[in-house]
């Protein structure tokens, strides 16, 4: 008779540690960093336009 060291039925797989109830992720609002970047871009654009206006005024006054 052969030695039966292997069980006839495989052991049940262990449950995953990350088994969380399936819930669909819905992002309701954009990330906060987006608002910060848009704010910086808007301020930078206004500053750039103001500086260009000063350059044009200074060039026309000569």
PDB file of N, CA and C in Angstrom:
ATOM      1  N   UNK A   1       0.826  -1.177   0.000  1.00  0.00           N
ATOM      2  CA  UNK A   1       0.000   0.000   0.000  1.00  0.00           C
ATOM      3  C   UNK A   1       0.880   1.253   0.000  1.00  0.00           C
ATOM      4  N   UNK A   2       0.569   2.255  -0.869  1.00  0.00           N
ATOM      5  CA  UNK A   2       1.397   3.464  -0.918  1.00  0.00           C
ATOM      6  C   UNK A   2       1.175   4.346   0.314  1.00  0.00           C
ATOM      7  N   UNK A   3       2.210   5.069   0.649  1.00  0.00           N
ATOM      8  CA  UNK A   3       2.117   5.971   1.796  1.00  0.00           C
ATOM      9  C   UNK A   3       1.247   7.177   1.410  1.00  0.00           C
ATOM     10  N   UNK A   4       0.171   7.422   2.145  1.00  0.00           N
ATOM     11  CA  UNK A   4      -0.749   8.521   1.832  1.00  0.00           C
ATOM     12  C   UNK A   4      -0.462   9.711   2.752  1.00  0.00           C
ATOM     13  N   UNK A   5       0.614  10.433   2.470  1.00  0.00           N
ATOM     14  CA  UNK A   5       0.929  11.611   3.265  1.00  0.00           C
ATOM     15  C   UNK A   5       0.208  12.853   2.729  1.00  0.00           C
ATOM     16  N   UNK A   6      -0.306  12.771   1.501  1.00  0.00           N
ATOM     17  CA  UNK A   6      -1.038  13.885   0.902  1.00  0.00           C
ATOM     18  C   UNK A   6      -2.517  13.672   1.187  1.00  0.00           C
ATOM     19  N   UNK A   7      -3.209  14.643   1.754  1.00  0.00           N
ATOM     20  CA  UNK A   7      -4.639  14.467   2.016  1.00  0.00           C
ATOM     21  C   UNK A   7      -5.427  14.335   0.719  1.00  0.00           C
ATOM     22  N   UNK A   8      -6.534  13.654   0.790  1.00  0.00           N
ATOM     23  CA  UNK A   8      -7.359  13.416  -0.394  1.00  0.00           C
ATOM     24  C   UNK A   8      -8.014  14.698  -0.876  1.00  0.00           C
ATOM     25  N   UNK A   9      -8.411  15.556   0.012  1.00  0.00           N
ATOM     26  CA  UNK A   9      -9.031  16.823  -0.390  1.00  0.00           C
ATOM     27  C   UNK A   9      -8.077  17.967  -0.050  1.00  0.00           C
ATOM     28  N   UNK A  10      -7.937  18.911  -0.950  1.00  0.00           N
ATOM     29  CA  UNK A  10      -7.035  20.042  -0.663  1.00  0.00           C
ATOM     30  C   UNK A  10      -7.612  20.901   0.454  1.00  0.00           C
ATOM     31  N   UNK A  11      -6.762  21.520   1.251  1.00  0.00           N
ATOM     32  CA  UNK A  11      -7.279  22.365   2.331  1.00  0.00           C
ATOM     33  C   UNK A  11      -8.002  23.580   1.768  1.00  0.00           C
ATOM     34  N   UNK A  12      -8.958  24.066   2.519  1.00  0.00           N
ATOM     35  CA  UNK A  12      -9.726  25.237   2.082  1.00  0.00           C
ATOM     36  C   UNK A  12      -8.805  26.447   2.063  1.00  0.00           C
ATOM     37  N   UNK A  13      -8.930  27.288   1.044  1.00  0.00           N
ATOM     38  CA  UNK A  13      -8.068  28.472   0.994  1.00  0.00           C
ATOM     39  C   UNK A  13      -8.381  29.407   2.157  1.00  0.00           C
ATOM     40  N   UNK A  14      -7.312  30.008   2.676  1.00  0.00           N
ATOM     41  CA  UNK A  14      -7.510  30.937   3.786  1.00  0.00           C
ATOM     42  C   UNK A  14      -8.164  32.213   3.267  1.00  0.00           C
ATOM     43  N   UNK A  15      -9.020  32.828   4.069  1.00  0.00           N
ATOM     44  CA  UNK A  15      -9.660  34.073   3.610  1.00  0.00           C
ATOM     45  C   UNK A  15      -8.623  35.189   3.481  1.00  0.00           C
ATOM     46  N   UNK A  16      -8.822  36.028   2.495  1.00  0.00           N
ATOM     47  CA  UNK A  16      -7.890  37.131   2.268  1.00  0.00           C
ATOM     48  C   UNK A  16      -8.007  38.138   3.400  1.00  0.00           C
ATOM     49  N   UNK A  17      -6.886  38.716   3.779  1.00  0.00           N
ATOM     50  CA  UNK A  17      -6.910  39.689   4.867  1.00  0.00           C
ATOM     51  C   UNK A  17      -7.573  40.990   4.433  1.00  0.00           C
ATOM     52  N   UNK A  18      -7.643  41.244   3.122  1.00  0.00           N
ATOM     53  CA  UNK A  18      -8.246  42.476   2.623  1.00  0.00           C
ATOM     54  C   UNK A  18      -9.670  42.239   2.125  1.00  0.00           C
ATOM     55  N   UNK A  19     -10.325  41.233   2.660  1.00  0.00           N
ATOM     56  CA  UNK A  19     -11.681  40.946   2.220  1.00  0.00           C
ATOM     57  C   UNK A  19     -12.624  41.976   2.838  1.00  0.00           C
ATOM     58  N   UNK A  20     -13.010  42.950   2.031  1.00  0.00           N
ATOM     59  CA  UNK A  20     -13.904  44.015   2.475  1.00  0.00           C
ATOM     60  C   UNK A  20     -15.165  43.905   1.631  1.00  0.00           C
ATOM     61  N   UNK A  21     -16.299  44.192   2.200  1.00  0.00           N
ATOM     62  CA  UNK A  21     -17.518  44.139   1.388  1.00  0.00           C
ATOM     63  C   UNK A  21     -17.388  45.043   0.166  1.00  0.00           C
ATOM     64  N   UNK A  22     -17.798  44.534  -0.970  1.00  0.00           N
ATOM     65  CA  UNK A  22     -17.646  45.283  -2.218  1.00  0.00           C
ATOM     66  C   UNK A  22     -18.518  46.524  -2.175  1.00  0.00           C
ATOM     67  N   UNK A  23     -17.848  47.692  -2.290  1.00  0.00           N
ATOM     68  CA  UNK A  23     -18.571  48.946  -2.304  1.00  0.00           C
ATOM     69  C   UNK A  23     -17.985  49.785  -3.420  1.00  0.00           C
ATOM     70  N   UNK A  24     -18.814  50.294  -4.302  1.00  0.00           N
ATOM     71  CA  UNK A  24     -18.310  51.065  -5.434  1.00  0.00           C
ATOM     72  C   UNK A  24     -17.836  52.427  -4.943  1.00  0.00           C
ATOM     73  N   UNK A  25     -16.595  52.799  -5.316  1.00  0.00           N
ATOM     74  CA  UNK A  25     -16.020  54.078  -4.905  1.00  0.00           C
ATOM     75  C   UNK A  25     -16.481  55.148  -5.866  1.00  0.00           C
ATOM     76  N   UNK A  26     -17.121  56.165  -5.315  1.00  0.00           N
ATOM     77  CA  UNK A  26     -17.576  57.289  -6.121  1.00  0.00           C
ATOM     78  C   UNK A  26     -16.936  58.543  -5.553  1.00  0.00           C
ATOM     79  N   UNK A  27     -16.191  59.234  -6.387  1.00  0.00           N
ATOM     80  CA  UNK A  27     -15.528  60.455  -5.936  1.00  0.00           C
ATOM     81  C   UNK A  27     -16.469  61.619  -6.167  1.00  0.00           C
ATOM     82  N   UNK A  28     -16.925  62.221  -5.073  1.00  0.00           N
ATOM     83  CA  UNK A  28     -17.907  63.294  -5.167  1.00  0.00           C
ATOM     84  C   UNK A  28     -17.283  64.652  -5.407  1.00  0.00           C
ATOM     85  N   UNK A  29     -16.049  64.854  -4.979  1.00  0.00           N
ATOM     86  CA  UNK A  29     -15.412  66.151  -5.154  1.00  0.00           C
ATOM     87  C   UNK A  29     -13.973  65.960  -5.607  1.00  0.00           C
ATOM     88  N   UNK A  30     -13.441  66.948  -6.344  1.00  0.00           N
ATOM     89  CA  UNK A  30     -12.067  66.826  -6.813  1.00  0.00           C
ATOM     90  C   UNK A  30     -11.090  66.918  -5.647  1.00  0.00           C
ATOM     91  N   UNK A  31      -9.879  66.434  -5.825  1.00  0.00           N
ATOM     92  CA  UNK A  31      -8.905  66.507  -4.747  1.00  0.00           C
ATOM     93  C   UNK A  31      -8.558  67.950  -4.401  1.00  0.00           C
ATOM     94  N   UNK A  32      -8.201  68.175  -3.141  1.00  0.00           N
ATOM     95  CA  UNK A  32      -7.909  69.521  -2.668  1.00  0.00           C
ATOM     96  C   UNK A  32      -6.747  70.153  -3.428  1.00  0.00           C
ATOM     97  N   UNK A  33      -5.770  69.349  -3.827  1.00  0.00           N
ATOM     98  CA  UNK A  33      -4.625  69.880  -4.556  1.00  0.00           C
ATOM     99  C   UNK A  33      -5.007  70.556  -5.860  1.00  0.00           C
ATOM    100  N   UNK A  34      -6.110  70.128  -6.449  1.00  0.00           N
ATOM    101  CA  UNK A  34      -6.561  70.745  -7.700  1.00  0.00           C
ATOM    102  C   UNK A  34      -6.930  72.200  -7.465  1.00  0.00           C
ATOM    103  N   UNK A  35      -7.642  72.488  -6.376  1.00  0.00           N
ATOM    104  CA  UNK A  35      -8.021  73.863  -6.070  1.00  0.00           C
ATOM    105  C   UNK A  35      -6.789  74.729  -5.824  1.00  0.00           C
ATOM    106  N   UNK A  36      -5.795  74.170  -5.145  1.00  0.00           N
ATOM    107  CA  UNK A  36      -4.579  74.921  -4.853  1.00  0.00           C
ATOM    108  C   UNK A  36      -3.844  75.257  -6.149  1.00  0.00           C
ATOM    109  N   UNK A  37      -3.735  74.284  -7.045  1.00  0.00           N
ATOM    110  CA  UNK A  37      -3.047  74.533  -8.319  1.00  0.00           C
ATOM    111  C   UNK A  37      -3.786  75.571  -9.155  1.00  0.00           C
ATOM    112  N   UNK A  38      -5.101  75.466  -9.234  1.00  0.00           N
ATOM    113  CA  UNK A  38      -5.879  76.432 -10.016  1.00  0.00           C
ATOM    114  C   UNK A  38      -5.713  77.827  -9.422  1.00  0.00           C
ATOM    115  N   UNK A  39      -5.735  77.931  -8.087  1.00  0.00           N
ATOM    116  CA  UNK A  39      -5.556  79.222  -7.431  1.00  0.00           C
ATOM    117  C   UNK A  39      -4.193  79.824  -7.780  1.00  0.00           C
ATOM    118  N   UNK A  40      -3.154  79.007  -7.714  1.00  0.00           N
ATOM    119  CA  UNK A  40      -1.799  79.494  -8.035  1.00  0.00           C
ATOM    120  C   UNK A  40      -1.719  79.919  -9.498  1.00  0.00           C
ATOM    121  N   UNK A  41      -2.301  79.133 -10.402  1.00  0.00           N
ATOM    122  CA  UNK A  41      -2.258  79.493 -11.820  1.00  0.00           C
ATOM    123  C   UNK A  41      -2.992  80.804 -12.076  1.00  0.00           C
ATOM    124  N   UNK A  42      -4.121  81.005 -11.426  1.00  0.00           N
ATOM    125  CA  UNK A  42      -4.892  82.232 -11.633  1.00  0.00           C
ATOM    126  C   UNK A  42      -4.105  83.433 -11.117  1.00  0.00           C
ATOM    127  N   UNK A  43      -3.543  83.312  -9.918  1.00  0.00           N
ATOM    128  CA  UNK A  43      -2.758  84.414  -9.358  1.00  0.00           C
ATOM    129  C   UNK A  43      -1.536  84.693 -10.238  1.00  0.00           C
ATOM    130  N   UNK A  44      -0.840  83.639 -10.665  1.00  0.00           N
ATOM    131  CA  UNK A  44       0.344  83.820 -11.505  1.00  0.00           C
ATOM    132  C   UNK A  44      -0.020  84.490 -12.821  1.00  0.00           C
ATOM    133  N   UNK A  45      -1.155  84.121 -13.394  1.00  0.00           N
ATOM    134  CA  UNK A  45      -1.581  84.727 -14.659  1.00  0.00           C
ATOM    135  C   UNK A  45      -1.875  86.206 -14.468  1.00  0.00           C
ATOM    136  N   UNK A  46      -2.552  86.553 -13.375  1.00  0.00           N
ATOM    137  CA  UNK A  46      -2.858  87.961 -13.123  1.00  0.00           C
ATOM    138  C   UNK A  46      -1.581  88.773 -12.904  1.00  0.00           C
ATOM    139  N   UNK A  47      -0.639  88.217 -12.165  1.00  0.00           N
ATOM    140  CA  UNK A  47       0.626  88.920 -11.925  1.00  0.00           C
ATOM    141  C   UNK A  47       1.375  89.108 -13.239  1.00  0.00           C
ATOM    142  N   UNK A  48       1.406  88.074 -14.069  1.00  0.00           N
ATOM    143  CA  UNK A  48       2.096  88.175 -15.355  1.00  0.00           C
ATOM    144  C   UNK A  48       1.447  89.236 -16.245  1.00  0.00           C
ATOM    145  N   UNK A  49       0.126  89.266 -16.292  1.00  0.00           N
ATOM    146  CA  UNK A  49      -0.562  90.279 -17.103  1.00  0.00           C
ATOM    147  C   UNK A  49      -0.300  91.680 -16.570  1.00  0.00           C
ATOM    148  N   UNK A  50      -0.276  91.836 -15.252  1.00  0.00           N
ATOM    149  CA  UNK A  50      -0.008  93.144 -14.668  1.00  0.00           C
ATOM    150  C   UNK A  50       1.401  93.606 -15.009  1.00  0.00           C
ATOM    151  N   UNK A  51       2.379  92.714 -14.927  1.00  0.00           N
ATOM    152  CA  UNK A  51       3.758  93.083 -15.263  1.00  0.00           C
ATOM    153  C   UNK A  51       3.887  93.435 -16.741  1.00  0.00           C
ATOM    154  N   UNK A  52       3.208  92.683 -17.605  1.00  0.00           N
ATOM    155  CA  UNK A  52       3.261  92.991 -19.030  1.00  0.00           C
ATOM    156  C   UNK A  52       2.623  94.349 -19.312  1.00  0.00           C
ATOM    157  N   UNK A  53       1.548  94.649 -18.599  1.00  0.00           N
ATOM    158  CA  UNK A  53       0.903  95.951 -18.774  1.00  0.00           C
ATOM    159  C   UNK A  53       1.846  97.080 -18.359  1.00  0.00           C
ATOM    160  N   UNK A  54       2.570  96.881 -17.232  1.00  0.00           N
ATOM    161  CA  UNK A  54       3.522  97.897 -16.795  1.00  0.00           C
ATOM    162  C   UNK A  54       4.637  98.077 -17.826  1.00  0.00           C
ATOM    163  N   UNK A  55       5.092  96.999 -18.428  1.00  0.00           N
ATOM    164  CA  UNK A  55       6.136  97.090 -19.456  1.00  0.00           C
ATOM    165  C   UNK A  55       5.616  97.863 -20.672  1.00  0.00           C
ATOM    166  N   UNK A  56       4.395  97.591 -21.054  1.00  0.00           N
ATOM    167  CA  UNK A  56       3.824  98.304 -22.212  1.00  0.00           C
ATOM    168  C   UNK A  56       3.651  99.783 -21.902  1.00  0.00           C
ATOM    169  N   UNK A  57       3.165 100.087 -20.698  1.00  0.00           N
ATOM    170  CA  UNK A  57       2.978 101.508 -20.307  1.00  0.00           C
ATOM    171  C   UNK A  57       4.331 102.198 -20.267  1.00  0.00           C
ATOM    172  N   UNK A  58       5.351 101.535 -19.706  1.00  0.00           N
ATOM    173  CA  UNK A  58       6.681 102.147 -19.634  1.00  0.00           C
ATOM    174  C   UNK A  58       7.257 102.334 -21.045  1.00  0.00           C
ATOM    175  N   UNK A  59       7.023 101.409 -21.942  1.00  0.00           N
ATOM    176  CA  UNK A  59       7.556 101.534 -23.300  1.00  0.00           C
ATOM    177  C   UNK A  59       6.847 102.649 -24.059  1.00  0.00           C
ATOM    178  N   UNK A  60       5.558 102.829 -23.836  1.00  0.00           N
ATOM    179  CA  UNK A  60       4.816 103.887 -24.544  1.00  0.00           C
ATOM    180  C   UNK A  60       5.138 105.269 -24.002  1.00  0.00           C
ATOM    181  N   UNK A  61       5.552 105.362 -22.768  1.00  0.00           N
ATOM    182  CA  UNK A  61       5.818 106.677 -22.176  1.00  0.00           C
ATOM    183  C   UNK A  61       7.183 107.230 -22.576  1.00  0.00           C
ATOM    184  N   UNK A  62       8.009 106.452 -23.224  1.00  0.00           N
ATOM    185  CA  UNK A  62       9.333 106.945 -23.625  1.00  0.00           C
ATOM    186  C   UNK A  62       9.268 107.718 -24.909  1.00  0.00           C
TER     187      UNK A  62
END
